[in-house]
Every structure is written in structure tokens, then in C-alpha cells.
Protein backbone atom coordinates (compact mmCIF):
# COMPACT_ATOMS: atom_id res chain seq x y z
CA MET A 1 97.50 7.75 -77.89
CA LEU A 2 97.54 4.99 -80.76
CA ALA A 3 95.66 1.81 -80.44
CA ALA A 4 97.56 -1.01 -80.71
CA ASP A 5 97.28 -3.25 -84.15
CA PRO A 6 95.10 -5.84 -84.40
CA PRO A 7 96.49 -9.42 -83.49
CA GLN A 8 97.08 -11.50 -87.12
CA PHE A 9 95.88 -14.55 -87.13
CA LYS A 10 97.17 -17.15 -89.35
CA PRO A 11 95.36 -20.37 -90.57
CA ASP A 12 95.52 -23.73 -88.73
CA VAL A 13 98.33 -25.55 -90.14
CA VAL A 14 98.82 -29.44 -90.52
CA VAL A 15 102.35 -30.76 -91.68
CA ILE A 16 102.07 -33.64 -93.61
CA LYS A 17 105.32 -35.46 -95.21
CA LYS A 18 107.35 -32.15 -95.61
CA GLN A 19 103.84 -30.55 -96.79
CA GLN A 20 102.00 -27.91 -95.42
CA ILE A 21 97.91 -28.06 -95.79
CA ARG A 22 97.27 -24.60 -94.79
CA VAL A 23 93.15 -25.54 -93.64
CA THR A 24 91.04 -22.42 -92.95
CA ALA A 25 88.55 -23.03 -90.14
CA GLY A 26 86.81 -19.65 -90.03
CA VAL A 27 87.53 -16.03 -90.21
CA ASN A 28 90.14 -14.55 -87.93
CA ARG A 29 90.45 -18.04 -85.73
CA PRO A 30 93.33 -17.66 -83.17
CA ARG A 31 94.26 -21.47 -83.17
CA GLN A 32 97.16 -23.08 -84.83
CA ARG A 33 98.14 -27.10 -84.69
CA VAL A 34 101.38 -28.02 -85.89
CA VAL A 35 101.69 -31.58 -86.15
CA GLU A 36 105.50 -32.83 -86.74
CA ALA A 37 106.33 -34.20 -89.93
CA GLY A 38 107.55 -37.79 -89.97
CA ARG A 39 104.46 -39.43 -89.39
CA THR A 40 101.83 -40.71 -92.10
CA ALA A 41 99.36 -38.33 -93.50
CA SER A 42 96.25 -40.35 -92.18
CA ILE A 43 97.64 -40.51 -88.34
CA ALA A 44 98.24 -36.54 -89.03
CA LEU A 45 95.13 -35.36 -89.91
CA ALA A 46 93.46 -37.36 -87.33
CA LEU A 47 95.81 -35.60 -84.37
CA TRP A 48 95.21 -32.48 -86.00
CA ALA A 49 91.26 -33.25 -85.93
CA CYS A 50 91.67 -34.72 -81.99
CA LEU A 51 93.58 -31.01 -81.01
CA PHE A 52 91.34 -28.78 -82.99
CA SER A 53 87.94 -30.20 -81.35
CA GLY A 54 89.73 -31.39 -77.88
CA ARG A 55 88.28 -35.07 -78.05
CA PRO A 56 90.02 -38.52 -78.22
CA ALA A 57 90.85 -39.19 -82.05
CA GLN A 58 88.46 -41.35 -83.79
CA PRO A 59 88.98 -42.24 -87.36
CA GLN A 60 88.14 -39.47 -89.88
CA PHE A 61 87.93 -39.35 -93.67
CA ASN A 62 90.11 -36.63 -94.58
CA GLY A 63 91.47 -36.12 -98.39
CA VAL A 64 92.97 -34.24 -100.90
CA VAL A 65 90.83 -33.24 -104.17
CA SER A 66 92.84 -35.17 -106.43
CA PHE A 67 90.84 -34.10 -109.48
CA ALA A 68 88.26 -31.69 -110.15
CA GLU A 69 85.92 -31.32 -113.61
CA SER A 70 83.70 -28.46 -114.20
CA GLY A 71 85.49 -25.66 -111.95
CA THR A 72 84.88 -25.06 -108.54
CA PHE A 73 82.79 -26.44 -105.58
CA SER A 74 81.29 -24.83 -102.51
CA ILE A 75 82.31 -25.93 -99.16
CA VAL A 76 80.50 -25.05 -95.67
CA ARG A 77 83.77 -25.11 -93.08
CA ARG A 78 82.16 -24.49 -89.53
CA ASP A 79 80.05 -21.28 -90.30
CA THR A 80 82.11 -20.05 -93.13
CA LEU A 81 81.32 -20.37 -96.84
CA MET A 82 84.28 -21.40 -99.64
CA THR A 83 84.95 -22.32 -102.60
CA GLY A 84 87.41 -25.15 -103.36
CA SER A 85 88.89 -26.41 -106.22
CA LYS A 86 92.04 -28.95 -107.22
CA GLY A 87 94.45 -29.41 -104.52
CA VAL A 88 92.37 -28.64 -101.44
CA ALA A 89 92.30 -30.60 -98.51
CA LEU A 90 88.65 -31.74 -97.24
CA LEU A 91 88.11 -32.16 -93.52
CA ALA A 92 85.65 -34.10 -91.05
CA GLY A 93 82.96 -31.52 -90.63
CA ASP A 94 82.99 -30.10 -94.23
CA ILE A 95 79.78 -29.95 -96.09
CA VAL A 96 80.68 -29.90 -99.91
CA GLU A 97 78.22 -29.52 -103.07
CA THR A 98 78.95 -29.54 -106.56
CA ALA A 99 77.24 -28.19 -109.75
CA PRO A 100 75.55 -29.62 -112.79
CA ASN A 101 78.11 -31.57 -114.71
CA ALA A 102 80.95 -31.51 -111.96
CA PHE A 103 83.03 -34.44 -111.21
CA LEU A 104 85.59 -34.96 -108.01
CA VAL A 105 87.72 -37.10 -106.75
CA ILE A 106 89.03 -37.09 -103.04
CA GLN A 107 92.02 -39.18 -102.03
CA GLU A 108 92.71 -40.33 -98.78
CA PRO A 109 96.51 -40.63 -97.28
CA GLY A 110 95.32 -44.25 -96.96
CA GLY A 111 94.64 -44.65 -100.76
CA ASP A 112 90.89 -44.51 -100.18
CA LEU A 113 88.96 -42.80 -103.11
CA VAL A 114 85.64 -40.79 -103.02
CA GLY A 115 84.08 -39.62 -106.28
CA ILE A 116 81.53 -36.67 -105.93
CA GLY A 117 78.90 -36.33 -108.92
CA PRO A 118 76.86 -33.61 -110.62
CA SER A 119 74.43 -31.43 -108.14
CA THR A 120 75.61 -33.05 -105.37
CA GLY A 121 75.69 -32.14 -101.68
CA VAL A 122 77.54 -34.46 -99.20
CA TYR A 123 78.33 -33.82 -95.47
CA ILE A 124 81.77 -35.49 -94.21
CA VAL A 125 80.17 -36.38 -90.58
CA GLU A 126 82.57 -35.65 -87.66
CA ARG A 127 83.07 -38.15 -84.83
CA GLU A 128 81.86 -41.18 -86.01
CA GLU A 129 83.17 -44.56 -85.24
CA VAL A 130 83.19 -45.17 -88.92
CA PRO A 131 84.14 -42.32 -91.38
CA THR A 132 80.90 -41.69 -92.53
CA LEU A 133 79.81 -39.56 -95.92
CA PHE A 134 75.93 -38.36 -95.43
CA VAL A 135 74.51 -37.92 -99.24
CA LEU A 136 71.35 -35.40 -99.57
CA LYS A 137 71.40 -35.38 -103.16
CA GLY A 138 73.39 -36.55 -105.69
CA TRP A 139 75.97 -39.28 -106.76
CA VAL A 140 78.80 -40.53 -104.24
CA LYS A 141 81.01 -43.06 -105.22
CA VAL A 142 83.64 -44.43 -102.43
CA ASP A 143 86.34 -47.05 -103.02
CA ALA A 144 87.55 -48.03 -99.46
CA LYS A 145 90.89 -49.55 -99.55
CA SER A 146 92.26 -48.45 -96.01
CA GLY A 147 89.28 -49.50 -93.78
CA PRO A 148 85.75 -49.30 -93.70
CA LEU A 149 83.54 -46.50 -94.80
CA ARG A 150 80.24 -45.60 -94.73
CA LEU A 151 77.92 -44.05 -97.42
CA ALA A 152 74.67 -42.60 -95.67
CA GLY A 153 71.36 -41.59 -97.51
CA LEU A 154 67.89 -40.39 -96.20
CA ARG A 155 66.28 -43.48 -97.00
CA LEU A 156 69.41 -46.21 -97.37
CA GLY A 157 73.13 -46.63 -96.45
CA ILE A 158 75.87 -49.25 -97.26
CA GLN A 159 79.32 -49.74 -95.09
CA GLY A 160 81.88 -51.61 -96.42
CA HIS A 161 85.84 -52.23 -96.50
CA GLN A 162 88.08 -53.78 -99.54
CA ALA A 163 84.81 -52.52 -101.43
CA VAL A 164 83.50 -50.22 -103.95
CA MET A 165 80.31 -48.81 -103.42
CA LEU A 166 77.88 -46.18 -104.81
CA LEU A 167 75.01 -44.29 -103.48
CA HIS A 168 72.26 -41.99 -105.25
CA ALA A 169 69.82 -40.12 -103.25
CA ASP A 170 67.19 -37.76 -104.71
CA GLU A 171 63.99 -36.69 -103.59
CA ARG A 172 61.69 -39.82 -104.76
CA ALA A 173 64.74 -42.66 -103.66
CA ASP A 174 67.68 -43.70 -102.36
CA GLU A 175 69.77 -46.29 -104.57
CA VAL A 176 72.55 -48.12 -103.54
CA PHE A 177 75.01 -50.48 -105.96
CA ASP A 178 77.59 -52.94 -104.32
CA GLU A 179 79.72 -52.57 -107.09
CA GLN A 180 82.54 -54.83 -105.63
CA GLY A 181 83.38 -56.67 -102.24
CA SER A 182 81.18 -57.67 -99.38
CA ALA A 183 79.27 -54.45 -97.76
CA THR A 184 76.41 -54.16 -94.93
CA LEU A 185 73.21 -52.71 -95.93
CA LEU A 186 72.49 -49.86 -93.48
CA PRO A 187 68.80 -49.08 -92.22
CA ALA A 188 67.40 -45.50 -92.85
CA GLY A 189 66.83 -42.15 -90.60
CA ASP A 190 67.92 -41.47 -87.29
CA ASP A 191 69.07 -45.23 -86.74
CA ALA A 192 71.76 -45.92 -88.91
CA ARG A 193 73.36 -48.78 -87.35
CA PRO A 194 74.54 -51.85 -89.38
CA VAL A 195 71.31 -54.45 -89.15
CA GLY A 196 73.59 -57.66 -90.23
CA LYS A 197 71.92 -57.80 -94.52
CA GLU A 198 75.48 -58.57 -95.78
CA THR A 199 75.46 -57.46 -99.51
CA GLY A 200 77.58 -59.08 -102.60
CA PRO A 201 79.16 -57.98 -105.28
CA ASN A 202 77.24 -56.25 -108.26
CA ARG A 203 74.08 -56.49 -105.31
CA PHE A 204 71.78 -53.43 -106.29
CA PHE A 205 69.20 -52.12 -103.44
CA LEU A 206 66.74 -49.25 -103.86
CA ARG A 207 64.34 -47.60 -101.40
CA GLY A 208 61.66 -45.17 -101.91
CA GLU A 209 58.79 -44.02 -99.53
CA GLN A 210 57.62 -47.66 -98.91
CA LEU A 211 59.06 -49.39 -96.18
CA GLU A 212 60.78 -51.99 -97.54
CA VAL A 213 63.79 -52.58 -99.36
CA VAL A 214 63.87 -53.68 -103.11
CA SER A 215 66.70 -55.77 -103.72
CA GLN A 216 67.87 -56.85 -107.39
CA ALA A 217 70.69 -59.34 -108.24
CA SER A 218 72.07 -56.31 -110.86
CA PRO A 219 71.24 -52.79 -110.84
CA SER A 220 68.36 -51.17 -112.81
CA ALA A 221 68.42 -49.71 -116.33
CA ASP A 222 67.60 -46.30 -115.28
CA PHE A 223 70.38 -46.42 -112.48
CA VAL A 224 72.91 -47.28 -114.89
CA ALA A 225 71.47 -44.82 -117.42
CA ASN A 226 71.24 -41.78 -115.08
CA MET A 227 74.71 -42.53 -113.66
CA PRO A 228 77.78 -39.89 -114.27
CA ALA A 229 80.10 -41.38 -116.81
CA PRO A 230 83.41 -41.16 -114.67
CA PHE A 231 81.59 -43.33 -112.10
CA ARG A 232 81.41 -46.28 -114.99
CA ASP A 233 85.01 -46.66 -114.59
CA PRO A 234 86.94 -46.87 -111.53
CA LEU A 235 88.09 -44.02 -109.64
CA PRO A 236 91.67 -42.71 -110.37
CA ALA A 237 94.36 -42.81 -107.80
CA TYR A 238 97.51 -40.71 -108.12
CA ALA A 239 100.84 -41.52 -106.97
CA LYS A 240 101.28 -37.78 -106.88
CA LEU A 241 98.68 -35.50 -105.66
CA PRO A 242 98.52 -32.11 -106.48
CA GLU A 243 100.14 -28.87 -105.02
CA LEU A 244 98.02 -28.54 -101.99
CA VAL A 245 96.01 -25.20 -101.97
CA GLN A 246 93.67 -23.50 -99.59
CA PRO A 247 89.91 -23.03 -100.40
CA ARG A 248 88.85 -19.45 -101.09
CA VAL A 249 86.93 -18.26 -98.12
CA LEU A 250 83.54 -16.05 -99.34
CA ARG A 251 81.65 -15.31 -96.02
CA ALA A 252 79.90 -16.18 -93.11
CA VAL A 253 76.94 -18.57 -94.22
CA ASN A 254 73.67 -17.48 -94.61
CA TYR A 255 70.25 -19.10 -93.61
CA PRO A 256 69.70 -20.42 -97.56
CA ASP A 257 73.36 -21.82 -97.75
CA ILE A 258 72.52 -24.57 -94.71
CA LYS A 259 68.77 -24.69 -94.42
CA ASP A 260 68.34 -28.08 -96.50
CA TRP A 261 71.12 -29.60 -93.85
CA LEU A 262 69.50 -28.41 -90.64
CA THR A 263 66.79 -31.01 -91.14
CA ILE A 264 68.58 -33.90 -92.03
CA PRO A 265 68.36 -36.94 -89.50
CA ARG A 266 68.92 -36.23 -86.15
CA GLN A 267 71.95 -38.73 -86.25
CA TRP A 268 74.30 -36.51 -88.50
CA ARG A 269 72.81 -33.42 -87.51
CA GLY A 270 73.85 -33.36 -83.61
CA GLY A 271 76.59 -30.92 -83.96
CA PHE A 272 74.97 -28.28 -85.91
CA VAL A 273 73.61 -26.31 -83.25
CA GLY A 274 76.97 -25.31 -81.58
CA ARG A 275 78.60 -25.16 -84.80
CA PHE A 276 75.94 -22.44 -86.23
CA ARG A 277 74.24 -20.75 -83.13
CA GLY A 278 76.89 -17.72 -83.80
CA ARG A 279 75.36 -16.65 -86.98
CA LEU A 280 72.19 -15.90 -85.02
CA ARG A 281 73.78 -12.73 -83.92
CA ASP A 282 72.97 -11.49 -87.69
CA PRO A 283 69.35 -10.49 -87.87
CA ALA A 284 68.41 -11.72 -90.91
CA PHE A 285 69.55 -15.50 -89.98
CA PHE A 286 67.75 -15.21 -86.79
CA ALA A 287 64.49 -14.03 -88.39
CA ALA A 288 65.05 -16.93 -91.51
CA MET A 289 65.84 -19.80 -88.57
CA ASP A 290 62.65 -18.20 -86.19
CA ALA A 291 60.34 -18.73 -88.94
CA GLN A 292 61.43 -22.48 -89.28
CA GLN A 293 61.71 -23.21 -85.74
CA SER A 294 58.62 -25.84 -86.13
CA LEU A 295 60.91 -27.78 -88.45
CA LEU A 296 64.16 -27.24 -85.71
CA PRO A 297 62.69 -28.51 -82.44
CA GLU A 298 66.62 -28.40 -81.33
CA TRP A 299 66.98 -24.67 -81.50
CA LYS A 300 63.86 -23.66 -80.02
CA HIS A 301 65.55 -22.80 -76.31
CA VAL A 302 68.48 -21.35 -78.62
CA LEU A 303 66.63 -19.03 -80.07
CA HIS A 304 64.17 -18.18 -77.58
CA PRO A 305 66.13 -19.37 -73.93
CA PRO A 306 63.57 -19.23 -71.24
CA PRO A 307 63.21 -16.70 -68.86
CA GLU A 308 65.44 -17.70 -65.79
CA LEU A 309 64.76 -16.10 -62.26
CA ASP A 310 67.93 -14.06 -60.53
CA SER A 311 67.02 -15.14 -56.96
CA SER A 312 69.87 -13.44 -55.86
CA ARG A 313 68.62 -10.04 -57.60
CA LEU A 314 64.89 -10.88 -56.00
CA SER A 315 66.01 -11.61 -52.79
CA GLU A 316 67.78 -7.87 -52.75
CA GLU A 317 64.64 -6.52 -53.91
CA SER A 318 62.77 -8.10 -51.43
CA GLN A 319 65.00 -7.10 -48.72
CA ALA A 320 65.15 -3.67 -49.69
CA THR A 321 61.31 -3.52 -49.98
CA GLY A 322 60.71 -5.09 -46.53
CA LYS A 323 63.07 -1.99 -45.12
CA SER A 324 61.44 0.84 -46.83
CA ASP A 325 57.55 -0.77 -45.44
CA PRO A 326 58.04 -3.96 -43.35
CA GLN A 327 54.01 -4.57 -43.31
CA LYS A 328 54.70 -5.69 -47.16
CA LEU A 329 56.71 -8.94 -45.96
CA LEU A 330 53.87 -9.61 -43.59
CA PRO A 331 50.87 -12.31 -45.27
CA GLN A 332 47.96 -10.53 -46.73
């Protein structure tokens, strides 16, 4: 008897203004959500995220790569490694990393723009009350038009609406530049809530290992000299977006693909255990995670679950022992 053919799964689909964004959310993922055309793109994408996660809709940053210089870039979507190019839709939850000399522009349906510079790593954080881009390294510039956007680094962050903001992060310090509009400076680390410190146009902030934030009336000479050339001009907005394309699936993530992201502040990595725990079935992935468990406290119970006593099994064994030798049940 011949075995039945395995089911063929289609990628999740979001229909936006008579276009289809086919979003590959993982290998052989059997779900499909279709949002009817006729709604705005931002609402459609938000509903897609809501249906996929099963949670109430929250503001999410989702956009299309409208410009990509110097080839492809990598995307970690759920537990799958992909490569992207111009025309790819980026969604909340994606981890994006660029190569040297790269420059991307992401355009959101509401008109918000995000520029990602060379050698940059950005996590589009899921389920935040304000759409948040966590910058692990490199350069990011945002033009927040339709609503508030937040840029967060390891040491410093900024949040604004109707504002143009830059964040540069490296191993020594985070630098924030409020190029245009009013914004709110954010503290670093796990407590990334507004602290009521309002910024102003052309204000520059730097925070290194020291606790205090250095504030200046204009950006430092080093910041300007090292800024990617495209960031010195307004981010380009396009009336017509490129034809939508799917990212190219490479494989399931390996430990080196995500190791730097597993130790970002707890506020941003909260969903990573559920997201990547399935990869522990791979012996190499498990061994790498196990070797680094001192840096990954929330993974300890996943890597080495505590033994659970099966009370029913013990009870049955005790009863069987008592029947065969009643003396064993008597106190010694």
C-alpha cells in the first residue's frame, strides 16, 4: 500500500492593497492567514501579527525594503535563517544583520522610514506598546511620521514622533542624535522606559561605561565623521514601492547565528526561549547552549529540566511491593 503524499503547506499570506506579501515564517509551517484587501496596509499587517500570535493587536513595525545597496542581508525569522533583498517585507520579530558597506531603507505603510547602515544588527522587537528597534551594533536612522518609534541600545535609547533620530552602537558606547523634532531620551538596559528627559533638535547624547549621559548641543566630530554617507541626507521615500518578493530560506539557525542576541537585555529577549527551544533537538546547538548556560539563566530549566516524580507510578510500585512482601511496608 502506497503512503499518502505529505501535505503541501503554503507560506503565510497578507493581502495589502491588491498585492500579496507572501511571508515565509518558517520551514513547513502549516498556517495561513489572509487579510482581505481594502484595508490600509498598516491595519492588515497588524491583524496578521495578531492572528499569528493569538494575542491582542498592538502597534508593530512592519515595512518593505524599498532600497538595498550592496546586495543581500540576513534575516532570522522565528528559528529560520534567510537572506533578504529589495522588495522583502520585514516583520516584527525579525533580526536583521547587514554586511559592510550595506545600506537599507525600510518603508512602512504609514510613511515611517528606517535606514540601516553597514555592519549593523537590529531586532524588530515583538509585542511592545511602542514599535521598537533594538540596535545591538551599527547605525540606524528613523524618520517617525505616523506614530511614535523607539530606538534602543545597550546603554541608551530615544523615542519620538514627528522626529528624525539616529542611534549608533559599538562595544564602547551608544550615541544618540536628535536630528529633527522633539523626542524622549531613554535609559539603558532592562529598564527602557521614558524618564521624562525631553530632547530637542540637533541635541547629541553619548553614554559609555560610565553611568552618566553626556549631552551636547551638537553631534561630536567623530560621530559626524563616522556616520554613513547616506545618513547625512533625508531617508528616501518612494511613492511606488518595489515589487514584493519573498526572502530566501537558507536553513534553521545555528548557535553562532544568534549567540550575540541571546544575551541582550532581558526586556527585549523575553520570547527567545520559546522561539528557539526547538533547535535544542540539534545536538550541536544543544552542546553550544549547554556550554554557555552561565550566560543564559532563563535557559537552565530548559537545558536540564528538574526531575519530576511520577506519584502515580511510585504508588503503583509501592502497592505491588506490599502485595509481594507486606513486611516491606512496615516501619523499620
